[in-house]
Amino acid sequence: MNLEKDLLSIGTIVNTFGTKGFVKVVLNKEIEVINELSTIKLLFVKNISKSLQPLQIEKVEFKNEILLLKFVDLNEINHVIKFKGLQIYSLTSDRVFKYKPMMTSYKVIYNEEIGKILEAFNNGAHDVIKISLNSQKAFWVPLVDVYFKKIDHEKQVIVLKNLEELK
């Protein structure tokens, strides 16, 4: 059994937090939290010798885009300082985190023309992408039903429609 293929890199331990053994984790940009964080029981770090070290989770908090973790039996700062800078991994079977590719890696198709996504952001209501098609200046497209036919996450392709209104 190869455990590494069942793991998802979710972020980096960037620092300790307080003196009671908490660590701060910055999640990777393409990681999305899809289920209750309190269900996490086990995470892994790859230590300096590149071997996986399992860490049982005692407490999880999510504040200001930072994941705060407390590991079982690691109760002081000196026990967790060694994890600073290490990648942290979750079992994919736990279904707490999901890999969501960056929109800028997708292609767009409009009227048989293939283009690329230059930038992407979420305006609070929906995603918005800046696209460049071969023959035109780049422009912004909100990803709402009016402008896209389908999004194929597997092939990383977005098929667009009705763009004449935006040009």
Protein backbone atom coordinates (compact mmCIF):
# COMPACT_ATOMS: atom_id res chain seq x y z
CA MET A 1 0.00 0.00 0.00
CA ASN A 2 1.35 3.40 -0.99
CA LEU A 3 0.07 5.94 1.54
CA GLU A 4 1.42 8.94 -0.39
CA LYS A 5 -1.00 8.45 -3.28
CA ASP A 6 -3.89 8.65 -0.79
CA LEU A 7 -2.72 12.01 0.60
CA LEU A 8 -3.54 15.54 -0.44
CA SER A 9 -1.09 18.36 0.31
CA ILE A 10 -3.29 20.95 2.01
CA GLY A 11 -0.81 23.60 3.10
CA THR A 12 2.31 24.62 4.97
CA ILE A 13 2.92 24.94 8.68
CA VAL A 14 4.16 28.53 8.78
CA ASN A 15 4.61 29.07 12.51
CA THR A 16 3.65 28.13 16.01
CA PHE A 17 0.75 29.84 17.77
CA GLY A 18 1.00 30.57 21.48
CA THR A 19 2.89 28.34 23.88
CA LYS A 20 0.47 25.38 24.22
CA GLY A 21 1.53 23.48 21.07
CA PHE A 22 -0.68 25.03 18.37
CA VAL A 23 0.65 25.53 14.83
CA LYS A 24 -0.52 27.90 12.08
CA VAL A 25 -1.19 26.39 8.66
CA VAL A 26 -1.64 28.44 5.50
CA LEU A 27 -3.76 26.40 3.10
CA ASN A 28 -2.61 26.04 -0.50
CA LYS A 29 -4.52 28.38 -2.84
CA GLU A 30 -6.07 25.48 -4.72
CA ILE A 31 -7.38 23.75 -1.58
CA GLU A 32 -11.02 24.14 -0.65
CA VAL A 33 -12.58 23.13 2.67
CA ILE A 34 -15.65 21.05 1.77
CA ASN A 35 -16.67 19.48 5.09
CA GLU A 36 -16.62 20.16 8.81
CA LEU A 37 -13.05 20.70 10.05
CA SER A 38 -13.88 19.16 13.42
CA THR A 39 -14.02 15.74 11.72
CA ILE A 40 -10.26 15.78 11.09
CA LYS A 41 -8.61 13.17 13.32
CA LEU A 42 -5.29 12.57 11.56
CA LEU A 43 -2.93 14.62 9.40
CA PHE A 44 0.59 13.94 8.18
CA VAL A 45 3.81 15.91 7.77
CA LYS A 46 6.79 14.90 5.68
CA ASN A 47 9.75 15.36 7.99
CA ILE A 48 13.29 16.35 7.03
CA SER A 49 14.19 12.74 6.17
CA LYS A 50 11.17 12.72 3.77
CA SER A 51 9.26 10.11 5.77
CA LEU A 52 5.62 10.66 6.63
CA GLN A 53 4.82 11.32 10.27
CA PRO A 54 1.19 10.90 11.37
CA LEU A 55 -0.16 13.49 13.80
CA GLN A 56 -3.39 12.98 15.71
CA ILE A 57 -5.51 16.11 15.88
CA GLU A 58 -6.81 17.32 19.23
CA LYS A 59 -8.28 20.66 18.17
CA VAL A 60 -8.89 22.57 14.91
CA GLU A 61 -9.77 26.24 14.45
CA PHE A 62 -10.09 28.30 11.27
CA LYS A 63 -9.43 32.04 11.67
CA ASN A 64 -8.74 34.63 8.97
CA GLU A 65 -7.79 32.03 6.33
CA ILE A 66 -5.36 30.39 8.80
CA LEU A 67 -5.85 26.86 10.10
CA LEU A 68 -4.84 26.50 13.75
CA LEU A 69 -4.03 22.92 14.76
CA LYS A 70 -3.33 21.33 18.12
CA PHE A 71 -1.81 17.84 18.01
CA VAL A 72 -2.43 15.16 20.66
CA ASP A 73 0.34 14.98 23.31
CA LEU A 74 2.32 17.88 21.80
CA ASN A 75 1.56 20.43 24.49
CA GLU A 76 4.28 23.04 24.27
CA ILE A 77 5.92 25.21 21.66
CA ASN A 78 9.17 23.21 21.81
CA HIS A 79 7.31 20.06 20.70
CA VAL A 80 5.95 21.66 17.51
CA ILE A 81 8.60 24.20 16.44
CA LYS A 82 10.26 21.41 14.41
CA PHE A 83 7.22 21.32 12.08
CA LYS A 84 7.65 24.94 10.97
CA GLY A 85 8.06 25.11 7.17
CA LEU A 86 6.80 21.56 6.54
CA GLN A 87 3.99 20.60 4.19
CA ILE A 88 0.95 19.08 5.85
CA TYR A 89 -1.20 16.38 4.26
CA SER A 90 -4.74 15.04 4.68
CA LEU A 91 -6.12 11.66 3.71
CA THR A 92 -8.27 12.06 0.60
CA SER A 93 -10.71 9.53 2.08
CA ASP A 94 -11.47 11.98 4.93
CA ARG A 95 -13.22 14.24 2.38
CA VAL A 96 -12.58 17.43 4.37
CA PHE A 97 -10.43 19.13 1.74
CA LYS A 98 -10.69 19.17 -2.04
CA TYR A 99 -8.20 20.12 -4.72
CA LYS A 100 -9.67 22.87 -6.88
CA PRO A 101 -7.40 23.79 -9.82
CA MET A 102 -6.60 27.45 -10.32
CA MET A 103 -8.83 28.97 -13.01
CA THR A 104 -5.79 30.36 -14.82
CA SER A 105 -4.84 26.79 -15.79
CA TYR A 106 -8.12 26.39 -17.74
CA LYS A 107 -8.67 27.02 -21.46
CA VAL A 108 -11.72 28.84 -22.77
CA ILE A 109 -13.61 28.08 -25.97
CA TYR A 110 -15.91 30.53 -27.68
CA ASN A 111 -17.31 29.96 -31.20
CA GLU A 112 -14.58 27.42 -32.04
CA GLU A 113 -11.90 29.89 -30.90
CA ILE A 114 -9.56 28.77 -28.12
CA GLY A 115 -8.34 31.29 -25.58
CA LYS A 116 -6.80 31.41 -22.15
CA ILE A 117 -7.66 32.80 -18.75
CA LEU A 118 -5.28 35.56 -17.66
CA GLU A 119 -6.76 36.34 -14.24
CA ALA A 120 -9.59 35.15 -12.00
CA PHE A 121 -11.27 36.32 -8.82
CA ASN A 122 -14.51 35.94 -6.93
CA ASN A 123 -16.53 39.14 -6.47
CA GLY A 124 -18.56 37.69 -3.61
CA ALA A 125 -21.42 36.59 -5.85
CA HIS A 126 -19.60 34.57 -8.56
CA ASP A 127 -16.25 33.97 -10.24
CA VAL A 128 -15.03 36.49 -12.81
CA ILE A 129 -12.36 35.67 -15.40
CA LYS A 130 -10.24 37.86 -17.67
CA ILE A 131 -9.85 36.06 -20.98
CA SER A 132 -7.77 36.52 -24.07
CA LEU A 133 -9.06 35.17 -27.35
CA ASN A 134 -6.70 35.07 -30.35
CA SER A 135 -8.11 37.97 -32.30
CA GLN A 136 -9.20 40.36 -29.55
CA LYS A 137 -8.14 42.48 -26.63
CA ALA A 138 -8.51 40.79 -23.21
CA PHE A 139 -11.79 41.37 -21.38
CA TRP A 140 -13.63 40.29 -18.20
CA VAL A 141 -16.38 37.65 -18.18
CA PRO A 142 -18.56 36.87 -15.16
CA LEU A 143 -19.10 33.12 -14.84
CA VAL A 144 -22.88 33.21 -14.78
CA ASP A 145 -25.37 31.17 -16.81
CA VAL A 146 -25.74 33.90 -19.41
CA TYR A 147 -22.07 33.61 -20.49
CA PHE A 148 -21.02 29.99 -20.06
CA LYS A 149 -22.36 26.78 -21.54
CA LYS A 150 -20.33 24.37 -19.44
CA ILE A 151 -17.28 23.99 -17.26
CA ASP A 152 -15.36 20.73 -17.57
CA HIS A 153 -13.13 20.51 -14.50
CA GLU A 154 -11.66 17.22 -15.64
CA LYS A 155 -10.38 18.65 -18.94
CA GLN A 156 -9.96 22.17 -17.49
CA VAL A 157 -12.04 23.78 -20.22
CA ILE A 158 -14.74 26.44 -20.02
CA VAL A 159 -17.11 26.79 -22.98
CA LEU A 160 -18.50 30.33 -23.25
CA LYS A 161 -21.47 31.91 -25.05
CA ASN A 162 -23.05 35.36 -25.65
CA LEU A 163 -19.76 37.22 -25.33
CA GLU A 164 -20.74 39.83 -27.94
CA GLU A 165 -22.49 41.74 -25.13
CA LEU A 166 -19.21 42.10 -23.21
CA LYS A 167 -16.84 43.19 -25.96
